[in-house]
């Protein structure tokens, strides 16, 4: 098992399944790999359905160890 780190400094463990490598944890970064912020969207689900731009939120509006939700 190896680890990788995202631009925010979060560390993720990986697992190889066949020829593919997967993260064991859910992604929780708030930036793209070039350092640009991903917009935090704190809006009702109806807004998410209509959103045509990138964004993320935290489940139940609480940052947890379960990772972020991205559109």
PDB file of N, CA and C in Angstrom:
ATOM      1  N   UNK A   1       0.854  -1.172   0.000  1.00  0.00           N
ATOM      2  CA  UNK A   1       0.000   0.000   0.000  1.00  0.00           C
ATOM      3  C   UNK A   1       0.900   1.234   0.000  1.00  0.00           C
ATOM      4  N   UNK A   2       0.585   2.134  -0.899  1.00  0.00           N
ATOM      5  CA  UNK A   2       1.346   3.370  -0.995  1.00  0.00           C
ATOM      6  C   UNK A   2       0.442   4.537  -0.632  1.00  0.00           C
ATOM      7  N   UNK A   3       1.051   5.711  -0.499  1.00  0.00           N
ATOM      8  CA  UNK A   3       0.267   6.913  -0.213  1.00  0.00           C
ATOM      9  C   UNK A   3       0.582   7.979  -1.246  1.00  0.00           C
ATOM     10  N   UNK A   4      -0.390   8.857  -1.466  1.00  0.00           N
ATOM     11  CA  UNK A   4      -0.193  10.036  -2.293  1.00  0.00           C
ATOM     12  C   UNK A   4      -0.736  11.230  -1.529  1.00  0.00           C
ATOM     13  N   UNK A   5      -0.286  12.411  -1.897  1.00  0.00           N
ATOM     14  CA  UNK A   5      -0.711  13.637  -1.224  1.00  0.00           C
ATOM     15  C   UNK A   5      -1.290  14.591  -2.257  1.00  0.00           C
ATOM     16  N   UNK A   6      -2.406  15.237  -1.895  1.00  0.00           N
ATOM     17  CA  UNK A   6      -2.980  16.229  -2.801  1.00  0.00           C
ATOM     18  C   UNK A   6      -2.379  17.603  -2.526  1.00  0.00           C
ATOM     19  N   UNK A   7      -2.792  18.597  -3.288  1.00  0.00           N
ATOM     20  CA  UNK A   7      -2.236  19.941  -3.187  1.00  0.00           C
ATOM     21  C   UNK A   7      -2.542  20.608  -1.847  1.00  0.00           C
ATOM     22  N   UNK A   8      -3.596  20.132  -1.156  1.00  0.00           N
ATOM     23  CA  UNK A   8      -3.941  20.658   0.171  1.00  0.00           C
ATOM     24  C   UNK A   8      -3.123  19.994   1.277  1.00  0.00           C
ATOM     25  N   UNK A   9      -2.385  18.947   0.933  1.00  0.00           N
ATOM     26  CA  UNK A   9      -1.598  18.237   1.931  1.00  0.00           C
ATOM     27  C   UNK A   9      -2.301  17.030   2.522  1.00  0.00           C
ATOM     28  N   UNK A  10      -3.514  16.718   2.043  1.00  0.00           N
ATOM     29  CA  UNK A  10      -4.208  15.515   2.502  1.00  0.00           C
ATOM     30  C   UNK A  10      -3.477  14.293   1.983  1.00  0.00           C
ATOM     31  N   UNK A  11      -3.328  13.288   2.826  1.00  0.00           N
ATOM     32  CA  UNK A  11      -2.641  12.054   2.449  1.00  0.00           C
ATOM     33  C   UNK A  11      -3.687  10.963   2.239  1.00  0.00           C
ATOM     34  N   UNK A  12      -3.559  10.237   1.135  1.00  0.00           N
ATOM     35  CA  UNK A  12      -4.486   9.169   0.779  1.00  0.00           C
ATOM     36  C   UNK A  12      -3.719   7.864   0.624  1.00  0.00           C
ATOM     37  N   UNK A  13      -4.293   6.786   1.107  1.00  0.00           N
ATOM     38  CA  UNK A  13      -3.722   5.463   0.906  1.00  0.00           C
ATOM     39  C   UNK A  13      -4.297   4.899  -0.388  1.00  0.00           C
ATOM     40  N   UNK A  14      -3.511   4.110  -1.071  1.00  0.00           N
ATOM     41  CA  UNK A  14      -3.940   3.514  -2.330  1.00  0.00           C
ATOM     42  C   UNK A  14      -3.920   2.000  -2.230  1.00  0.00           C
ATOM     43  N   UNK A  15      -4.633   1.384  -3.152  1.00  0.00           N
ATOM     44  CA  UNK A  15      -4.636  -0.078  -3.258  1.00  0.00           C
ATOM     45  C   UNK A  15      -4.649  -0.437  -4.742  1.00  0.00           C
ATOM     46  N   UNK A  16      -3.881  -1.446  -5.092  1.00  0.00           N
ATOM     47  CA  UNK A  16      -3.864  -1.920  -6.475  1.00  0.00           C
ATOM     48  C   UNK A  16      -4.873  -3.056  -6.612  1.00  0.00           C
ATOM     49  N   UNK A  17      -5.748  -2.921  -7.601  1.00  0.00           N
ATOM     50  CA  UNK A  17      -6.710  -3.971  -7.925  1.00  0.00           C
ATOM     51  C   UNK A  17      -6.491  -4.295  -9.396  1.00  0.00           C
ATOM     52  N   UNK A  18      -5.906  -5.435  -9.630  1.00  0.00           N
ATOM     53  CA  UNK A  18      -5.525  -5.788 -10.998  1.00  0.00           C
ATOM     54  C   UNK A  18      -4.458  -4.817 -11.470  1.00  0.00           C
ATOM     55  N   UNK A  19      -4.704  -4.163 -12.591  1.00  0.00           N
ATOM     56  CA  UNK A  19      -3.739  -3.208 -13.140  1.00  0.00           C
ATOM     57  C   UNK A  19      -4.070  -1.767 -12.770  1.00  0.00           C
ATOM     58  N   UNK A  20      -5.136  -1.564 -11.986  1.00  0.00           N
ATOM     59  CA  UNK A  20      -5.560  -0.216 -11.611  1.00  0.00           C
ATOM     60  C   UNK A  20      -5.174   0.095 -10.168  1.00  0.00           C
ATOM     61  N   UNK A  21      -4.904   1.382  -9.906  1.00  0.00           N
ATOM     62  CA  UNK A  21      -4.606   1.843  -8.549  1.00  0.00           C
ATOM     63  C   UNK A  21      -5.741   2.762  -8.115  1.00  0.00           C
ATOM     64  N   UNK A  22      -6.317   2.498  -6.950  1.00  0.00           N
ATOM     65  CA  UNK A  22      -7.467   3.225  -6.426  1.00  0.00           C
ATOM     66  C   UNK A  22      -7.126   3.878  -5.092  1.00  0.00           C
ATOM     67  N   UNK A  23      -7.789   5.009  -4.814  1.00  0.00           N
ATOM     68  CA  UNK A  23      -7.701   5.599  -3.483  1.00  0.00           C
ATOM     69  C   UNK A  23      -8.579   4.790  -2.538  1.00  0.00           C
ATOM     70  N   UNK A  24      -8.114   4.595  -1.315  1.00  0.00           N
ATOM     71  CA  UNK A  24      -8.926   3.913  -0.311  1.00  0.00           C
ATOM     72  C   UNK A  24      -9.902   4.900   0.318  1.00  0.00           C
ATOM     73  N   UNK A  25      -9.468   6.153   0.508  1.00  0.00           N
ATOM     74  CA  UNK A  25     -10.325   7.189   1.089  1.00  0.00           C
ATOM     75  C   UNK A  25     -10.945   8.032  -0.017  1.00  0.00           C
ATOM     76  N   UNK A  26     -12.009   8.745   0.330  1.00  0.00           N
ATOM     77  CA  UNK A  26     -12.615   9.693  -0.593  1.00  0.00           C
ATOM     78  C   UNK A  26     -11.756  10.947  -0.687  1.00  0.00           C
ATOM     79  N   UNK A  27     -11.768  11.560  -1.861  1.00  0.00           N
ATOM     80  CA  UNK A  27     -11.028  12.797  -2.100  1.00  0.00           C
ATOM     81  C   UNK A  27     -11.591  13.919  -1.227  1.00  0.00           C
ATOM     82  N   UNK A  28     -10.715  14.764  -0.693  1.00  0.00           N
ATOM     83  CA  UNK A  28     -11.167  15.882   0.133  1.00  0.00           C
ATOM     84  C   UNK A  28     -10.403  17.167  -0.142  1.00  0.00           C
ATOM     85  N   UNK A  29      -9.882  17.296  -1.336  1.00  0.00           N
ATOM     86  CA  UNK A  29      -9.154  18.506  -1.696  1.00  0.00           C
ATOM     87  C   UNK A  29     -10.109  19.655  -2.017  1.00  0.00           C
ATOM     88  N   UNK A  30      -9.626  20.861  -1.823  1.00  0.00           N
ATOM     89  CA  UNK A  30     -10.412  22.059  -2.128  1.00  0.00           C
ATOM     90  C   UNK A  30      -9.764  22.868  -3.247  1.00  0.00           C
ATOM     91  N   UNK A  31      -8.722  22.288  -3.875  1.00  0.00           N
ATOM     92  CA  UNK A  31      -8.006  22.972  -4.949  1.00  0.00           C
ATOM     93  C   UNK A  31      -7.737  22.012  -6.090  1.00  0.00           C
ATOM     94  N   UNK A  32      -7.642  22.577  -7.290  1.00  0.00           N
ATOM     95  CA  UNK A  32      -7.173  21.815  -8.429  1.00  0.00           C
ATOM     96  C   UNK A  32      -5.672  21.614  -8.292  1.00  0.00           C
ATOM     97  N   UNK A  33      -5.087  20.748  -9.107  1.00  0.00           N
ATOM     98  CA  UNK A  33      -3.653  20.474  -8.970  1.00  0.00           C
ATOM     99  C   UNK A  33      -2.778  21.662  -9.330  1.00  0.00           C
ATOM    100  N   UNK A  34      -3.342  22.705  -9.946  1.00  0.00           N
ATOM    101  CA  UNK A  34      -2.554  23.908 -10.228  1.00  0.00           C
ATOM    102  C   UNK A  34      -2.664  24.944  -9.107  1.00  0.00           C
ATOM    103  N   UNK A  35      -3.392  24.605  -8.031  1.00  0.00           N
ATOM    104  CA  UNK A  35      -3.527  25.505  -6.886  1.00  0.00           C
ATOM    105  C   UNK A  35      -4.777  26.374  -6.914  1.00  0.00           C
ATOM    106  N   UNK A  36      -5.501  26.381  -8.024  1.00  0.00           N
ATOM    107  CA  UNK A  36      -6.727  27.164  -8.125  1.00  0.00           C
ATOM    108  C   UNK A  36      -7.789  26.581  -7.194  1.00  0.00           C
ATOM    109  N   UNK A  37      -8.479  27.451  -6.468  1.00  0.00           N
ATOM    110  CA  UNK A  37      -9.532  27.011  -5.552  1.00  0.00           C
ATOM    111  C   UNK A  37     -10.714  26.426  -6.328  1.00  0.00           C
ATOM    112  N   UNK A  38     -11.255  25.324  -5.831  1.00  0.00           N
ATOM    113  CA  UNK A  38     -12.523  24.801  -6.326  1.00  0.00           C
ATOM    114  C   UNK A  38     -13.602  25.535  -5.544  1.00  0.00           C
ATOM    115  N   UNK A  39     -14.599  26.099  -6.205  1.00  0.00           N
ATOM    116  CA  UNK A  39     -15.624  26.839  -5.473  1.00  0.00           C
ATOM    117  C   UNK A  39     -16.396  25.959  -4.485  1.00  0.00           C
ATOM    118  N   UNK A  40     -16.524  26.436  -3.255  1.00  0.00           N
ATOM    119  CA  UNK A  40     -17.347  25.777  -2.245  1.00  0.00           C
ATOM    120  C   UNK A  40     -18.780  26.234  -2.464  1.00  0.00           C
ATOM    121  N   UNK A  41     -19.676  25.285  -2.692  1.00  0.00           N
ATOM    122  CA  UNK A  41     -21.075  25.592  -2.969  1.00  0.00           C
ATOM    123  C   UNK A  41     -21.913  25.176  -1.760  1.00  0.00           C
ATOM    124  N   UNK A  42     -22.436  26.144  -1.049  1.00  0.00           N
ATOM    125  CA  UNK A  42     -23.336  25.880   0.075  1.00  0.00           C
ATOM    126  C   UNK A  42     -24.727  26.316  -0.356  1.00  0.00           C
ATOM    127  N   UNK A  43     -25.396  25.455  -1.078  1.00  0.00           N
ATOM    128  CA  UNK A  43     -26.698  25.800  -1.649  1.00  0.00           C
ATOM    129  C   UNK A  43     -27.576  24.558  -1.639  1.00  0.00           C
ATOM    130  N   UNK A  44     -28.876  24.753  -1.736  1.00  0.00           N
ATOM    131  CA  UNK A  44     -29.792  23.608  -1.782  1.00  0.00           C
ATOM    132  C   UNK A  44     -29.530  22.711  -2.991  1.00  0.00           C
ATOM    133  N   UNK A  45     -30.024  21.497  -2.918  1.00  0.00           N
ATOM    134  CA  UNK A  45     -29.824  20.519  -3.990  1.00  0.00           C
ATOM    135  C   UNK A  45     -30.304  21.033  -5.337  1.00  0.00           C
ATOM    136  N   UNK A  46     -31.372  21.824  -5.352  1.00  0.00           N
ATOM    137  CA  UNK A  46     -31.893  22.341  -6.613  1.00  0.00           C
ATOM    138  C   UNK A  46     -30.833  23.172  -7.340  1.00  0.00           C
ATOM    139  N   UNK A  47     -30.031  23.899  -6.583  1.00  0.00           N
ATOM    140  CA  UNK A  47     -28.965  24.702  -7.179  1.00  0.00           C
ATOM    141  C   UNK A  47     -27.896  23.785  -7.774  1.00  0.00           C
ATOM    142  N   UNK A  48     -27.562  22.711  -7.058  1.00  0.00           N
ATOM    143  CA  UNK A  48     -26.576  21.755  -7.558  1.00  0.00           C
ATOM    144  C   UNK A  48     -27.014  21.150  -8.890  1.00  0.00           C
ATOM    145  N   UNK A  49     -28.292  20.805  -8.995  1.00  0.00           N
ATOM    146  CA  UNK A  49     -28.781  20.184 -10.229  1.00  0.00           C
ATOM    147  C   UNK A  49     -28.635  21.113 -11.422  1.00  0.00           C
ATOM    148  N   UNK A  50     -28.766  22.402 -11.197  1.00  0.00           N
ATOM    149  CA  UNK A  50     -28.707  23.382 -12.290  1.00  0.00           C
ATOM    150  C   UNK A  50     -27.310  23.953 -12.507  1.00  0.00           C
ATOM    151  N   UNK A  51     -26.372  23.628 -11.640  1.00  0.00           N
ATOM    152  CA  UNK A  51     -25.033  24.209 -11.698  1.00  0.00           C
ATOM    153  C   UNK A  51     -24.289  23.739 -12.942  1.00  0.00           C
ATOM    154  N   UNK A  52     -23.730  24.681 -13.692  1.00  0.00           N
ATOM    155  CA  UNK A  52     -22.951  24.351 -14.890  1.00  0.00           C
ATOM    156  C   UNK A  52     -21.476  24.649 -14.712  1.00  0.00           C
ATOM    157  N   UNK A  53     -21.055  24.911 -13.490  1.00  0.00           N
ATOM    158  CA  UNK A  53     -19.650  25.195 -13.211  1.00  0.00           C
ATOM    159  C   UNK A  53     -19.180  24.255 -12.105  1.00  0.00           C
ATOM    160  N   UNK A  54     -17.862  24.064 -11.982  1.00  0.00           N
ATOM    161  CA  UNK A  54     -17.351  23.144 -10.976  1.00  0.00           C
ATOM    162  C   UNK A  54     -17.616  23.639  -9.563  1.00  0.00           C
ATOM    163  N   UNK A  55     -17.669  22.691  -8.643  1.00  0.00           N
ATOM    164  CA  UNK A  55     -17.832  23.041  -7.245  1.00  0.00           C
ATOM    165  C   UNK A  55     -17.764  21.808  -6.364  1.00  0.00           C
ATOM    166  N   UNK A  56     -17.693  22.051  -5.069  1.00  0.00           N
ATOM    167  CA  UNK A  56     -17.715  20.962  -4.094  1.00  0.00           C
ATOM    168  C   UNK A  56     -18.498  21.426  -2.876  1.00  0.00           C
ATOM    169  N   UNK A  57     -18.894  20.474  -2.053  1.00  0.00           N
ATOM    170  CA  UNK A  57     -19.524  20.777  -0.772  1.00  0.00           C
ATOM    171  C   UNK A  57     -19.167  19.664   0.192  1.00  0.00           C
ATOM    172  N   UNK A  58     -19.511  19.861   1.433  1.00  0.00           N
ATOM    173  CA  UNK A  58     -19.334  18.845   2.469  1.00  0.00           C
ATOM    174  C   UNK A  58     -20.703  18.266   2.775  1.00  0.00           C
ATOM    175  N   UNK A  59     -20.786  16.977   2.938  1.00  0.00           N
ATOM    176  CA  UNK A  59     -22.049  16.329   3.257  1.00  0.00           C
ATOM    177  C   UNK A  59     -22.661  16.949   4.499  1.00  0.00           C
ATOM    178  N   UNK A  60     -23.911  17.327   4.415  1.00  0.00           N
ATOM    179  CA  UNK A  60     -24.644  17.943   5.523  1.00  0.00           C
ATOM    180  C   UNK A  60     -23.968  19.239   5.992  1.00  0.00           C
ATOM    181  N   UNK A  61     -23.220  19.880   5.074  1.00  0.00           N
ATOM    182  CA  UNK A  61     -22.496  21.130   5.354  1.00  0.00           C
ATOM    183  C   UNK A  61     -21.501  21.014   6.504  1.00  0.00           C
ATOM    184  N   UNK A  62     -20.963  19.813   6.720  1.00  0.00           N
ATOM    185  CA  UNK A  62     -19.986  19.600   7.788  1.00  0.00           C
ATOM    186  C   UNK A  62     -18.758  18.912   7.208  1.00  0.00           C
ATOM    187  N   UNK A  63     -17.590  19.531   7.393  1.00  0.00           N
ATOM    188  CA  UNK A  63     -16.359  18.904   6.934  1.00  0.00           C
ATOM    189  C   UNK A  63     -16.083  17.693   7.813  1.00  0.00           C
ATOM    190  N   UNK A  64     -16.007  16.543   7.181  1.00  0.00           N
ATOM    191  CA  UNK A  64     -15.792  15.303   7.910  1.00  0.00           C
ATOM    192  C   UNK A  64     -14.674  14.509   7.254  1.00  0.00           C
ATOM    193  N   UNK A  65     -14.358  13.397   7.827  1.00  0.00           N
ATOM    194  CA  UNK A  65     -13.334  12.525   7.259  1.00  0.00           C
ATOM    195  C   UNK A  65     -13.860  11.708   6.082  1.00  0.00           C
ATOM    196  N   UNK A  66     -15.142  11.851   5.771  1.00  0.00           N
ATOM    197  CA  UNK A  66     -15.707  11.072   4.675  1.00  0.00           C
ATOM    198  C   UNK A  66     -15.381  11.644   3.312  1.00  0.00           C
ATOM    199  N   UNK A  67     -14.841  12.843   3.248  1.00  0.00           N
ATOM    200  CA  UNK A  67     -14.468  13.443   1.974  1.00  0.00           C
ATOM    201  C   UNK A  67     -15.505  14.427   1.487  1.00  0.00           C
ATOM    202  N   UNK A  68     -15.164  15.107   0.420  1.00  0.00           N
ATOM    203  CA  UNK A  68     -16.033  16.131  -0.158  1.00  0.00           C
ATOM    204  C   UNK A  68     -16.894  15.511  -1.251  1.00  0.00           C
ATOM    205  N   UNK A  69     -17.940  16.249  -1.616  1.00  0.00           N
ATOM    206  CA  UNK A  69     -18.795  15.875  -2.730  1.00  0.00           C
ATOM    207  C   UNK A  69     -18.533  16.862  -3.859  1.00  0.00           C
ATOM    208  N   UNK A  70     -18.251  16.355  -5.039  1.00  0.00           N
ATOM    209  CA  UNK A  70     -17.913  17.190  -6.191  1.00  0.00           C
ATOM    210  C   UNK A  70     -18.942  16.997  -7.289  1.00  0.00           C
ATOM    211  N   UNK A  71     -19.186  18.051  -8.061  1.00  0.00           N
ATOM    212  CA  UNK A  71     -20.091  17.881  -9.202  1.00  0.00           C
ATOM    213  C   UNK A  71     -19.318  17.560 -10.451  1.00  0.00           C
TER     214      UNK A  71
END
